Amino acid sequence: MILVIDVGNTNIVLGIYKEESLLHLWRISTDKQKTSDEYLIVINSLLRFDGIDPKDIKQSVLGSVVTPLNTVFQDLILRLTNRPCKLVDLSCFQDMKVEMDNPSEVGADRLLNASAGYAKYGRALVIIDFGTATTFDVISETGAYLGGIISPGLGLSLEALTLKAFKLPRIKLEKPPTVIGKNTVHGMQSGVVHGYAGLVDSMVEKISLELGLKPKVIATGGLATLIKPASSTIEDIVDDLTLEGLFMIAKKMDSI
C-alpha cells in the first residue's frame, strides 16, 4: 500500500492506494501548532479505524505548501511505518518543463495537479483549484507548465467581506436561487458564486487568447462543484487530482 499526503493551508488530505485504486481518503484540519506526536495519534487512529496496519504501508509521499509541517510529517510517517517519507520538490518533475522565472517558487500542489492533469488528458489544459486560494495553472500542448494565476479563495473573500462590513452576516456558502438577490444572504451568495464563475470564465477567455488555442478546462478542490454549474467554461471536475499526482510520483520512484 502507498500513503499519499497533501498538506494544504486549510486541510490535510491523506489517501491510501493499493495497486491503481484509491482505497481510503481522509481529510483533517491543518494546524501549524500541532506536534508530530499529536498528528501521529490522529493519523494512526484513522488508519486503525479502517483496518489498516501502518506497517503494511510500503511507501509514503508528501506534498506540502506549509513548510513548517514538512519535518513534522516526515518524522511521524517514519515513526508510523518505519520507512522514510518522500517530500515532493521540483526535482520530482524533471520530465515536465516549468517555464517560470523561478521554478522553485511554484507550489508542489500546483505541479502535482499539472502533471496529473496532463497525464489524464494529454492536451493543453487550464486547471482551476478552488482551495484556500483559487489558482489557475496553464499547461501547454506538450505538457510544459507555462505559469498561472492566483486569486483569493471563495472562503477567504467571504470571510473578509463579513469581517469588514459591519452589517453583513456570516452565511453558508451555497448557490442562491437567483442571480439577483432578494435578500442580504442571497445577494452575498450570488456575489461569491456567480462572481467567481465570472472570474473563471473571463480568465479562461484571456488565457485562451494569449495561448492562441482553446485549452480543456478542468476544476478541482472542495468548492469546484459549487462553481461549475454557474460557469460556462469548466468542462470537468477531477476530484483528488493532487493525490493522483502524488501517486504518480510514488510509482515513478518505485520504478527507479
Protein backbone atom coordinates (compact mmCIF):
# COMPACT_ATOMS: atom_id res chain seq x y z
CA MET A 1 0.00 0.00 0.00
CA ILE A 2 1.05 3.59 -0.69
CA LEU A 3 0.23 6.53 1.58
CA VAL A 4 -0.08 9.94 -0.09
CA ILE A 5 -0.39 13.16 1.89
CA ASP A 6 -1.37 16.59 0.63
CA VAL A 7 -0.73 19.30 3.25
CA GLY A 8 -2.63 22.45 2.34
CA ASN A 9 -3.20 25.72 4.15
CA THR A 10 -6.70 24.75 5.29
CA ASN A 11 -6.88 20.95 5.09
CA ILE A 12 -4.61 17.95 5.06
CA VAL A 13 -5.80 15.17 2.76
CA LEU A 14 -4.48 11.63 3.14
CA GLY A 15 -5.11 8.71 0.83
CA ILE A 16 -4.22 5.03 0.68
CA TYR A 17 -3.61 3.50 -2.74
CA LYS A 18 -3.45 -0.22 -3.42
CA GLU A 19 -2.39 -1.14 -6.92
CA GLU A 20 -4.18 1.54 -9.02
CA SER A 21 -7.12 2.21 -6.70
CA LEU A 22 -7.64 4.85 -4.04
CA LEU A 23 -8.99 2.71 -1.19
CA HIS A 24 -9.33 5.27 1.59
CA LEU A 25 -9.45 9.04 1.87
CA TRP A 26 -9.31 11.20 4.99
CA ARG A 27 -9.42 14.95 5.48
CA ILE A 28 -8.26 16.75 8.65
CA SER A 29 -7.75 20.42 9.51
CA THR A 30 -4.31 21.95 9.10
CA ASP A 31 -2.86 23.19 12.39
CA LYS A 32 0.71 24.50 12.26
CA GLN A 33 0.91 24.38 16.07
CA LYS A 34 0.40 20.62 16.33
CA THR A 35 3.43 18.46 17.02
CA SER A 36 4.36 15.24 15.25
CA ASP A 37 3.12 13.35 18.34
CA GLU A 38 -0.33 14.93 18.03
CA TYR A 39 -0.63 14.29 14.30
CA LEU A 40 0.70 10.76 14.82
CA ILE A 41 -2.16 9.96 17.21
CA VAL A 42 -4.76 11.30 14.77
CA ILE A 43 -3.40 9.55 11.67
CA ASN A 44 -2.73 6.27 13.45
CA SER A 45 -6.33 6.32 14.72
CA LEU A 46 -7.71 6.94 11.21
CA LEU A 47 -5.69 4.08 9.75
CA ARG A 48 -6.57 1.65 12.53
CA PHE A 49 -10.27 2.57 12.39
CA ASP A 50 -10.34 1.50 8.73
CA GLY A 51 -8.41 -1.68 9.44
CA ILE A 52 -5.06 -0.60 8.04
CA ASP A 53 -1.87 -1.70 9.78
CA PRO A 54 0.66 1.14 9.28
CA LYS A 55 3.41 -1.44 8.83
CA ASP A 56 1.67 -2.57 5.62
CA ILE A 57 2.40 0.84 4.08
CA LYS A 58 5.43 0.28 1.85
CA GLN A 59 5.81 3.81 0.52
CA SER A 60 4.79 7.34 1.54
CA VAL A 61 4.86 10.57 -0.47
CA LEU A 62 4.24 14.04 0.95
CA GLY A 63 3.25 17.16 -0.97
CA SER A 64 3.12 20.28 1.17
CA VAL A 65 2.68 24.04 0.86
CA VAL A 66 3.03 24.51 4.62
CA THR A 67 6.79 24.43 5.15
CA PRO A 68 6.74 24.25 8.99
CA LEU A 69 4.86 20.94 8.78
CA ASN A 70 7.28 19.22 6.39
CA THR A 71 9.59 17.83 9.05
CA VAL A 72 6.64 17.17 11.35
CA PHE A 73 5.07 14.82 8.81
CA GLN A 74 8.32 13.24 7.68
CA ASP A 75 9.09 12.44 11.33
CA LEU A 76 5.67 11.00 12.17
CA ILE A 77 5.45 8.89 8.99
CA LEU A 78 8.87 7.41 9.71
CA ARG A 79 7.73 6.52 13.24
CA LEU A 80 4.41 5.18 11.97
CA THR A 81 5.64 3.00 9.11
CA ASN A 82 9.37 2.51 9.83
CA ARG A 83 10.01 3.83 6.32
CA PRO A 84 11.10 7.31 5.16
CA CYS A 85 8.58 9.64 3.59
CA LYS A 86 9.49 11.31 0.28
CA LEU A 87 8.90 15.08 0.23
CA VAL A 88 7.88 16.28 -3.23
CA ASP A 89 10.00 19.11 -4.64
CA LEU A 90 10.93 20.46 -8.06
CA SER A 91 13.33 17.58 -8.69
CA CYS A 92 10.34 15.22 -8.88
CA PHE A 93 9.16 16.90 -12.11
CA GLN A 94 12.21 16.54 -14.37
CA ASP A 95 10.01 15.27 -17.19
CA MET A 96 7.87 18.44 -17.10
CA LYS A 97 9.34 21.71 -18.29
CA VAL A 98 8.48 24.52 -15.86
CA GLU A 99 8.56 27.81 -17.77
CA MET A 100 8.65 30.17 -14.78
CA ASP A 101 11.13 32.91 -13.88
CA ASN A 102 11.86 30.97 -10.68
CA PRO A 103 10.51 27.41 -10.99
CA SER A 104 11.25 26.62 -7.33
CA GLU A 105 8.62 29.10 -6.16
CA VAL A 106 5.74 27.11 -7.69
CA GLY A 107 3.81 25.21 -5.00
CA ALA A 108 4.12 21.43 -5.02
CA ASP A 109 0.34 21.08 -5.22
CA ARG A 110 0.21 23.05 -8.47
CA LEU A 111 2.94 20.99 -10.12
CA LEU A 112 1.26 17.79 -8.91
CA ASN A 113 -2.04 18.94 -10.41
CA ALA A 114 -0.32 19.87 -13.67
CA SER A 115 1.46 16.55 -14.06
CA ALA A 116 -1.63 14.51 -13.13
CA GLY A 117 -3.88 16.59 -15.36
CA TYR A 118 -1.64 16.26 -18.40
CA ALA A 119 -1.22 12.52 -17.79
CA LYS A 120 -5.01 12.22 -17.77
CA TYR A 121 -5.85 14.35 -20.81
CA GLY A 122 -2.62 14.71 -22.83
CA ARG A 123 -3.51 18.16 -24.18
CA ALA A 124 -3.36 21.86 -23.35
CA LEU A 125 -5.10 22.49 -20.04
CA VAL A 126 -6.26 25.11 -17.62
CA ILE A 127 -6.58 23.60 -14.14
CA ILE A 128 -8.55 25.61 -11.62
CA ASP A 129 -8.09 24.63 -7.99
CA PHE A 130 -10.71 26.02 -5.61
CA GLY A 131 -8.83 25.90 -2.32
CA THR A 132 -7.69 28.49 0.22
CA ALA A 133 -6.65 30.42 -2.88
CA THR A 134 -8.26 30.00 -6.29
CA THR A 135 -5.43 29.12 -8.64
CA PHE A 136 -5.27 28.70 -12.41
CA ASP A 137 -2.47 26.56 -13.84
CA VAL A 138 -1.78 26.54 -17.57
CA ILE A 139 -0.24 23.52 -19.29
CA SER A 140 0.86 23.54 -22.93
CA GLU A 141 0.01 21.00 -25.63
CA THR A 142 3.38 19.36 -24.99
CA GLY A 143 2.93 19.17 -21.21
CA ALA A 144 5.02 22.17 -20.17
CA TYR A 145 3.92 24.17 -17.14
CA LEU A 146 3.53 27.67 -18.57
CA GLY A 147 2.53 29.57 -15.43
CA GLY A 148 -0.63 30.54 -13.68
CA ILE A 149 -2.82 32.93 -11.78
CA ILE A 150 -3.50 33.26 -8.05
CA SER A 151 -6.60 34.93 -6.64
CA PRO A 152 -8.20 34.89 -3.17
CA GLY A 153 -10.28 31.80 -2.48
CA LEU A 154 -14.04 31.90 -2.09
CA GLY A 155 -13.87 31.30 1.64
CA LEU A 156 -11.25 33.99 2.16
CA SER A 157 -13.23 36.52 0.17
CA LEU A 158 -16.42 35.79 2.05
CA GLU A 159 -14.62 35.93 5.39
CA ALA A 160 -13.07 39.30 4.52
CA LEU A 161 -16.48 40.63 3.50
CA THR A 162 -18.15 39.68 6.77
CA LEU A 163 -15.24 40.94 8.87
CA LYS A 164 -15.03 44.34 7.21
CA ALA A 165 -18.71 45.06 6.54
CA PHE A 166 -20.44 45.52 9.91
CA LYS A 167 -23.99 44.69 8.81
CA LEU A 168 -23.22 41.63 6.69
CA PRO A 169 -23.81 38.29 8.44
CA ARG A 170 -21.84 35.06 8.26
CA ILE A 171 -23.58 32.87 5.70
CA LYS A 172 -23.48 29.36 4.30
CA LEU A 173 -21.58 29.18 1.04
CA GLU A 174 -24.08 27.78 -1.44
CA LYS A 175 -25.70 28.67 -4.76
CA PRO A 176 -28.52 31.22 -4.39
CA PRO A 177 -31.93 30.64 -6.07
CA THR A 178 -31.48 33.62 -8.41
CA VAL A 179 -28.63 35.81 -9.63
CA ILE A 180 -30.42 38.93 -8.38
CA GLY A 181 -30.54 38.51 -4.63
CA LYS A 182 -33.88 39.29 -2.96
CA ASN A 183 -32.30 39.46 0.49
CA THR A 184 -28.87 40.07 2.01
CA VAL A 185 -27.93 36.39 2.30
CA HIS A 186 -28.85 35.57 -1.32
CA GLY A 187 -27.15 38.75 -2.50
CA MET A 188 -23.90 37.74 -0.77
CA GLN A 189 -24.14 34.17 -2.07
CA SER A 190 -24.69 35.45 -5.62
CA GLY A 191 -21.74 37.80 -5.34
CA VAL A 192 -19.45 34.95 -4.38
CA VAL A 193 -20.79 32.10 -6.54
CA HIS A 194 -21.65 34.00 -9.73
CA GLY A 195 -18.86 36.49 -9.15
CA TYR A 196 -16.27 33.70 -9.06
CA ALA A 197 -17.88 31.95 -12.03
CA GLY A 198 -17.49 35.23 -13.92
CA LEU A 199 -13.87 35.43 -12.79
CA VAL A 200 -13.26 31.90 -14.05
CA ASP A 201 -14.89 32.47 -17.43
CA SER A 202 -13.13 35.80 -18.00
CA MET A 203 -9.72 34.38 -17.05
CA VAL A 204 -10.18 31.33 -19.27
CA GLU A 205 -11.09 33.61 -22.20
CA LYS A 206 -7.97 35.74 -21.64
CA ILE A 207 -5.74 32.67 -21.26
CA SER A 208 -7.13 31.19 -24.50
CA LEU A 209 -6.44 34.41 -26.37
CA GLU A 210 -2.88 34.53 -25.05
CA LEU A 211 -2.26 30.87 -25.91
CA GLY A 212 -3.87 31.16 -29.33
CA LEU A 213 -5.84 27.96 -28.76
CA LYS A 214 -8.73 26.62 -26.70
CA PRO A 215 -7.44 24.51 -23.78
CA LYS A 216 -9.50 21.98 -21.90
CA VAL A 217 -10.67 23.46 -18.61
CA ILE A 218 -10.89 21.27 -15.53
CA ALA A 219 -11.53 22.08 -11.90
CA THR A 220 -10.58 20.50 -8.61
CA GLY A 221 -10.83 21.39 -4.95
CA GLY A 222 -13.68 21.28 -2.48
CA LEU A 223 -15.72 24.14 -3.98
CA ALA A 224 -15.43 23.11 -7.63
CA THR A 225 -18.91 21.54 -7.60
CA LEU A 226 -20.38 24.84 -6.38
CA ILE A 227 -18.88 26.94 -9.19
CA LYS A 228 -19.11 24.58 -12.18
CA PRO A 229 -22.91 24.94 -12.72
CA ALA A 230 -22.54 28.73 -12.80
CA SER A 231 -19.55 28.66 -15.17
CA SER A 232 -19.71 28.38 -18.96
CA THR A 233 -16.10 27.22 -19.35
CA ILE A 234 -15.41 24.50 -16.74
CA GLU A 235 -15.73 21.17 -18.55
CA ASP A 236 -14.80 18.54 -15.97
CA ILE A 237 -14.32 18.22 -12.23
CA VAL A 238 -11.49 15.91 -11.19
CA ASP A 239 -11.69 15.04 -7.52
CA ASP A 240 -8.42 14.36 -5.68
CA LEU A 241 -6.24 15.46 -8.60
CA THR A 242 -3.37 16.30 -6.25
CA LEU A 243 -3.48 12.81 -4.75
CA GLU A 244 -3.32 11.36 -8.27
CA GLY A 245 -0.18 13.42 -8.82
CA LEU A 246 1.34 12.13 -5.58
CA PHE A 247 0.53 8.56 -6.58
CA MET A 248 2.27 9.13 -9.93
CA ILE A 249 5.39 10.32 -8.09
CA ALA A 250 5.27 7.21 -5.88
CA LYS A 251 5.04 4.88 -8.89
CA LYS A 252 7.89 6.70 -10.61
CA MET A 253 10.09 6.33 -7.52
CA ASP A 254 9.24 2.66 -7.26
CA SER A 255 10.39 2.05 -10.84
CA ILE A 256 13.77 3.72 -10.36
